[in-house]
Protein backbone atom coordinates (compact mmCIF):
# COMPACT_ATOMS: atom_id res chain seq x y z
CA MET A 1 -32.24 -31.65 17.04
CA ALA A 2 -30.54 -35.29 17.17
CA THR A 3 -33.61 -36.64 15.69
CA ARG A 4 -33.28 -33.92 12.57
CA LEU A 5 -29.58 -34.90 12.19
CA LEU A 6 -30.49 -38.76 12.10
CA THR A 7 -33.28 -38.14 9.80
CA ARG A 8 -30.82 -36.21 7.33
CA ARG A 9 -28.11 -38.81 7.50
CA VAL A 10 -30.44 -41.59 6.71
CA TRP A 11 -32.14 -39.50 3.94
CA ASN A 12 -28.73 -38.95 2.32
CA VAL A 13 -27.81 -42.67 2.63
CA ALA A 14 -30.97 -43.75 1.01
CA VAL A 15 -30.87 -41.25 -1.67
CA LYS A 16 -27.39 -42.17 -2.60
CA ASP A 17 -28.08 -45.88 -2.52
CA PHE A 18 -31.23 -45.05 -4.63
CA ARG A 19 -29.12 -43.30 -7.28
CA ARG A 20 -26.71 -46.21 -7.51
CA LEU A 21 -29.47 -48.59 -8.64
CA PRO A 22 -29.19 -49.81 -12.05
CA GLY A 23 -31.45 -48.54 -14.82
CA PRO A 24 -33.07 -50.55 -17.24
CA THR A 25 -31.07 -52.04 -19.87
CA ALA A 26 -31.86 -52.79 -23.43
CA THR A 27 -31.53 -56.40 -23.17
CA SER A 28 -33.85 -56.86 -20.09
CA LEU A 29 -36.80 -54.78 -21.20
CA SER A 30 -38.50 -54.73 -24.43
CA SER A 31 -39.14 -51.34 -25.91
CA SER A 32 -42.76 -51.18 -25.04
CA SER A 33 -42.08 -51.97 -21.47
CA ARG A 34 -39.21 -49.64 -21.22
CA SER A 35 -41.37 -46.68 -21.21
CA SER A 36 -43.70 -47.65 -18.58
CA SER A 37 -40.98 -49.09 -16.58
CA LEU A 38 -40.74 -47.66 -12.98
CA ASN A 39 -37.12 -47.89 -12.74
CA THR A 40 -36.45 -45.21 -15.49
CA SER A 41 -34.17 -42.30 -14.73
CA ALA A 42 -36.94 -40.04 -15.18
CA HIS A 43 -39.03 -41.68 -12.52
CA ARG A 44 -36.02 -42.05 -10.27
CA GLN A 45 -35.72 -38.20 -10.63
CA SER A 46 -39.23 -37.55 -9.97
CA LEU A 47 -38.94 -39.60 -6.57
CA LEU A 48 -35.88 -37.65 -5.68
CA SER A 49 -37.49 -34.43 -6.33
CA PRO A 50 -40.19 -33.78 -3.70
CA SER A 51 -43.14 -31.42 -4.48
CA ARG A 52 -41.81 -28.89 -2.13
CA PRO A 53 -38.07 -28.18 -1.72
CA LEU A 54 -36.21 -29.55 0.85
CA PHE A 55 -34.23 -27.11 3.19
CA LEU A 56 -30.53 -27.92 2.66
CA SER A 57 -28.24 -25.47 4.20
CA SER A 58 -24.51 -25.06 4.41
CA HIS A 59 -24.41 -24.98 8.27
CA ARG A 60 -24.33 -28.79 8.26
CA CYS A 61 -20.79 -28.61 7.15
CA VAL A 62 -19.57 -25.99 9.50
CA SER A 63 -21.25 -27.21 12.58
CA PHE A 64 -19.81 -30.28 14.42
CA ASN A 65 -19.90 -32.10 17.83
CA VAL A 66 -16.47 -32.57 19.30
CA GLN A 67 -15.36 -36.13 19.92
CA ASP A 68 -12.49 -35.92 21.95
CA GLN A 69 -9.61 -33.84 22.90
CA ASP A 70 -7.70 -34.75 19.63
CA ASP A 71 -10.71 -34.00 17.58
CA PHE A 72 -11.01 -30.56 19.46
CA THR A 73 -7.44 -29.76 18.87
CA LYS A 74 -7.67 -30.82 14.90
CA ARG A 75 -10.91 -29.09 14.15
CA VAL A 76 -11.04 -26.07 16.60
CA ILE A 77 -7.44 -25.28 17.56
CA ASN A 78 -5.90 -25.85 14.13
CA SER A 79 -8.74 -24.55 12.05
CA ASP A 80 -8.19 -22.35 9.25
CA LEU A 81 -11.65 -20.78 10.07
CA PRO A 82 -12.79 -18.95 13.11
CA VAL A 83 -14.60 -21.20 15.39
CA LEU A 84 -17.32 -20.50 17.79
CA VAL A 85 -17.31 -23.09 20.69
CA ASP A 86 -20.56 -24.11 22.14
CA PHE A 87 -20.26 -25.51 25.76
CA TYR A 88 -23.51 -27.02 26.51
CA ALA A 89 -25.37 -29.78 28.44
CA GLN A 90 -28.23 -32.05 27.40
CA TRP A 91 -30.08 -31.12 30.73
CA CYS A 92 -29.59 -27.30 30.32
CA GLY A 93 -32.89 -25.54 29.00
CA PRO A 94 -31.18 -22.18 27.98
CA CYS A 95 -28.62 -24.32 25.93
CA LYS A 96 -31.65 -25.95 23.95
CA ILE A 97 -32.78 -22.33 23.10
CA LEU A 98 -29.20 -20.94 22.29
CA GLY A 99 -28.11 -23.76 20.16
CA PRO A 100 -30.55 -23.28 17.08
CA ARG A 101 -29.77 -19.68 17.40
CA LEU A 102 -26.17 -20.06 17.18
CA GLU A 103 -26.51 -22.48 14.09
CA LYS A 104 -28.80 -19.84 12.36
CA ALA A 105 -26.09 -16.97 13.16
CA ILE A 106 -23.37 -19.34 11.63
CA ALA A 107 -25.42 -20.37 8.71
CA LYS A 108 -25.79 -16.66 7.81
CA GLN A 109 -21.92 -16.33 7.35
CA GLU A 110 -22.13 -18.99 4.64
CA GLY A 111 -19.03 -20.91 5.65
CA ARG A 112 -16.77 -18.27 6.87
CA VAL A 113 -17.21 -19.45 10.54
CA ALA A 114 -17.27 -22.91 12.07
CA MET A 115 -19.27 -24.11 15.16
CA ALA A 116 -18.07 -26.76 17.60
CA LYS A 117 -20.40 -28.10 20.08
CA VAL A 118 -18.84 -29.45 23.32
CA ASP A 119 -20.99 -31.41 25.74
CA ILE A 120 -19.50 -30.64 29.19
CA ASP A 121 -20.59 -33.78 30.65
CA GLU A 122 -18.84 -35.62 28.09
CA HIS A 123 -15.86 -33.61 27.87
CA THR A 124 -15.18 -32.19 31.44
CA ASP A 125 -11.54 -31.63 30.73
CA LEU A 126 -12.02 -29.28 27.88
CA ALA A 127 -14.79 -27.24 30.02
CA ILE A 128 -12.27 -27.12 32.94
CA GLU A 129 -9.36 -26.17 30.62
CA TYR A 130 -11.31 -23.14 29.29
CA GLY A 131 -12.74 -22.09 32.57
CA VAL A 132 -16.38 -22.79 31.80
CA SER A 133 -18.16 -22.71 35.17
CA ALA A 134 -21.87 -22.31 33.54
CA VAL A 135 -23.75 -23.34 30.73
CA PRO A 136 -24.29 -22.20 28.01
CA THR A 137 -20.78 -20.64 27.38
CA VAL A 138 -19.86 -19.65 24.04
CA ILE A 139 -16.04 -19.00 23.25
CA ALA A 140 -14.77 -17.45 19.89
CA MET A 141 -11.65 -18.73 18.54
CA ARG A 142 -9.36 -17.78 15.91
CA GLY A 143 -5.88 -19.62 15.22
CA GLY A 144 -6.16 -21.46 18.58
CA ASP A 145 -6.70 -18.20 20.56
CA VAL A 146 -9.60 -17.25 22.50
CA ILE A 147 -10.89 -13.76 21.20
CA ASP A 148 -14.15 -13.36 22.89
CA GLN A 149 -16.68 -15.16 24.84
CA PHE A 150 -20.11 -14.96 26.75
CA VAL A 151 -22.03 -16.92 29.33
CA GLY A 152 -25.97 -17.36 29.03
CA ILE A 153 -28.51 -16.78 26.31
CA LYS A 154 -28.41 -13.99 23.80
CA ASP A 155 -30.95 -12.97 21.24
CA GLU A 156 -30.37 -13.17 17.58
CA ASP A 157 -29.28 -9.67 16.91
CA GLN A 158 -26.70 -10.01 19.76
CA LEU A 159 -25.65 -13.30 18.28
CA ASP A 160 -25.18 -11.80 14.74
CA SER A 161 -22.98 -8.96 16.05
CA PHE A 162 -20.90 -11.34 18.04
CA VAL A 163 -20.32 -13.70 14.91
CA SER A 164 -19.49 -10.60 12.95
CA LYS A 165 -17.23 -9.10 15.30
CA LEU A 166 -15.20 -12.50 15.18
CA ILE A 167 -15.14 -12.51 11.39
CA GLY A 168 -13.96 -8.70 11.17
CA GLN A 169 -11.07 -8.95 13.58
């Protein structure tokens, strides 16, 4: 997953830089070479439009990794949206299965729910504060209050109903 996120960031930066490249100017190109120039806006657009569409989903914006206690307070406790907090560990096999399922359930909500990911090895204080004794643990929060939680792995239908319950309350 880290590789996928890194690839997306590199792609986005490369595309932004490419769009900033200056196009041909009338003084730098003759009219005959202007039509065959590789730097025309039509050519740039064709390079930016791959033959198959890229999957760009909105869950990128509502899923984030918690950086520290202040970040957790700002983005989870003080959030206007309900937030699912996924306590996980890099070495945890079930966490690796549950993470993508959670992201898919969050993406279905189209921005009505956010998801915070907390690595318990890096943020032990947060794990202790919320009573996390096993991973994966998922806590549903709204307005800084714990609404619901579960420990372990769930299937997609159970996750959808868990997220829907958080929104409906």
